[in-house]
Protein backbone atom coordinates (compact mmCIF):
# COMPACT_ATOMS: atom_id res chain seq x y z
CA MET A 1 -3.53 -7.42 9.06
CA ILE A 2 -5.24 -4.15 8.39
CA THR A 3 -6.35 -3.21 4.87
CA ILE A 4 -6.85 0.36 3.60
CA GLU A 5 -6.76 1.96 0.23
CA ILE A 6 -5.24 5.31 -0.60
CA MET A 7 -5.62 7.68 -3.59
CA LYS A 8 -2.73 8.71 -5.73
CA SER A 9 -3.90 11.19 -8.37
CA LYS A 10 -6.09 9.12 -10.68
CA ASN A 11 -4.69 5.83 -9.55
CA GLN A 12 -5.86 4.04 -6.46
CA TYR A 13 -3.65 1.47 -4.65
CA TYR A 14 -4.64 -1.18 -2.12
CA ILE A 15 -2.42 -1.16 0.99
CA THR A 16 -1.80 -3.84 3.62
CA TYR A 17 -0.53 -3.26 7.11
CA GLU A 18 1.08 -5.79 9.47
CA ARG A 19 2.38 -5.43 13.03
CA ASP A 20 5.99 -6.40 13.31
CA SER A 21 7.93 -7.75 16.33
CA LYS A 22 8.95 -4.35 17.41
CA LYS A 23 5.37 -3.21 17.70
CA GLY A 24 5.58 -1.05 14.56
CA PHE A 25 3.86 -1.49 11.26
CA ILE A 26 4.95 -2.78 7.94
CA ALA A 27 2.97 -1.24 4.96
CA HIS A 28 2.94 -2.87 1.53
CA ALA A 29 1.39 -1.91 -1.89
CA PRO A 30 0.99 -5.45 -3.32
CA SER A 31 0.45 -4.26 -6.90
CA ILE A 32 3.76 -2.34 -6.85
CA PRO A 33 6.56 -4.84 -6.45
CA GLY A 34 9.12 -3.83 -3.70
CA CYS A 35 6.93 -1.08 -2.40
CA VAL A 36 7.34 -1.82 1.39
CA VAL A 37 7.87 0.56 4.24
CA TYR A 38 8.05 0.66 8.01
CA GLY A 39 6.49 2.92 10.48
CA LYS A 40 6.63 3.20 14.35
CA THR A 41 2.86 4.03 14.26
CA LEU A 42 0.07 3.15 11.82
CA LYS A 43 -0.04 6.93 10.91
CA GLU A 44 3.74 6.94 10.29
CA ALA A 45 3.51 3.77 8.09
CA TYR A 46 0.55 5.40 6.13
CA TYR A 47 2.48 8.52 5.34
CA ASN A 48 5.66 6.51 4.54
CA ILE A 49 3.72 4.34 2.06
CA GLN A 50 2.20 7.32 0.41
CA SER A 51 5.81 8.66 -0.26
CA ALA A 52 6.99 5.20 -1.32
CA ILE A 53 4.18 4.92 -3.78
CA ARG A 54 4.94 8.25 -5.34
CA GLU A 55 8.67 7.48 -5.57
CA CYS A 56 8.11 4.00 -7.11
CA LEU A 57 5.73 5.58 -9.69
CA GLU A 58 8.33 8.20 -10.47
CA ILE A 59 10.91 5.59 -11.15
CA ILE A 60 8.52 3.59 -13.21
CA ASN A 61 7.77 6.75 -15.34
CA ASP A 62 11.55 7.44 -15.62
CA TYR A 63 11.93 4.11 -17.38
CA ASN A 64 8.97 4.91 -19.69
CA LYS A 65 6.85 2.09 -18.21
CA LYS A 66 3.24 2.19 -17.55
CA PRO A 67 2.22 2.36 -13.83
CA PRO A 68 0.79 -0.78 -12.28
CA ILE A 69 -3.05 -1.08 -12.39
CA GLU A 70 -4.63 -2.11 -9.06
CA SER A 71 -6.60 -5.29 -9.51
CA ILE A 72 -8.57 -4.86 -6.30
CA THR A 73 -11.41 -2.40 -6.35
CA PRO A 74 -12.92 -0.64 -3.45
CA ASP A 75 -16.06 -2.72 -4.01
CA ARG A 76 -14.07 -5.89 -3.58
CA ILE A 77 -12.35 -4.60 -0.38
CA LYS A 78 -15.87 -4.12 1.18
CA ARG A 79 -16.40 -7.78 0.53
CA PHE A 80 -13.27 -9.01 2.34
CA SER A 81 -13.99 -10.53 5.76
CA PHE A 82 -11.76 -11.06 8.67
CA VAL A 83 -11.55 -14.28 10.61
CA LYS A 84 -10.71 -14.39 14.22
CA ILE A 85 -8.73 -17.54 15.07
């Protein structure tokens, strides 16, 4: 799993990437329920998740709800470690 954060105006969301069985990538914004996309390449998945986050936030705004607040800060991301098994 690859972890990256992206900026969306004043909000910042943590993104996870996973390889799928077709050698593509699944991108997910855990703090935004249902915000999951696919890309044939990591770059495509990155652009797709950016668009999906914008669309999810627009829908949330349309229903007069507050946007989700990310609970993972960039400082915490730096503390994550990866384990090779």
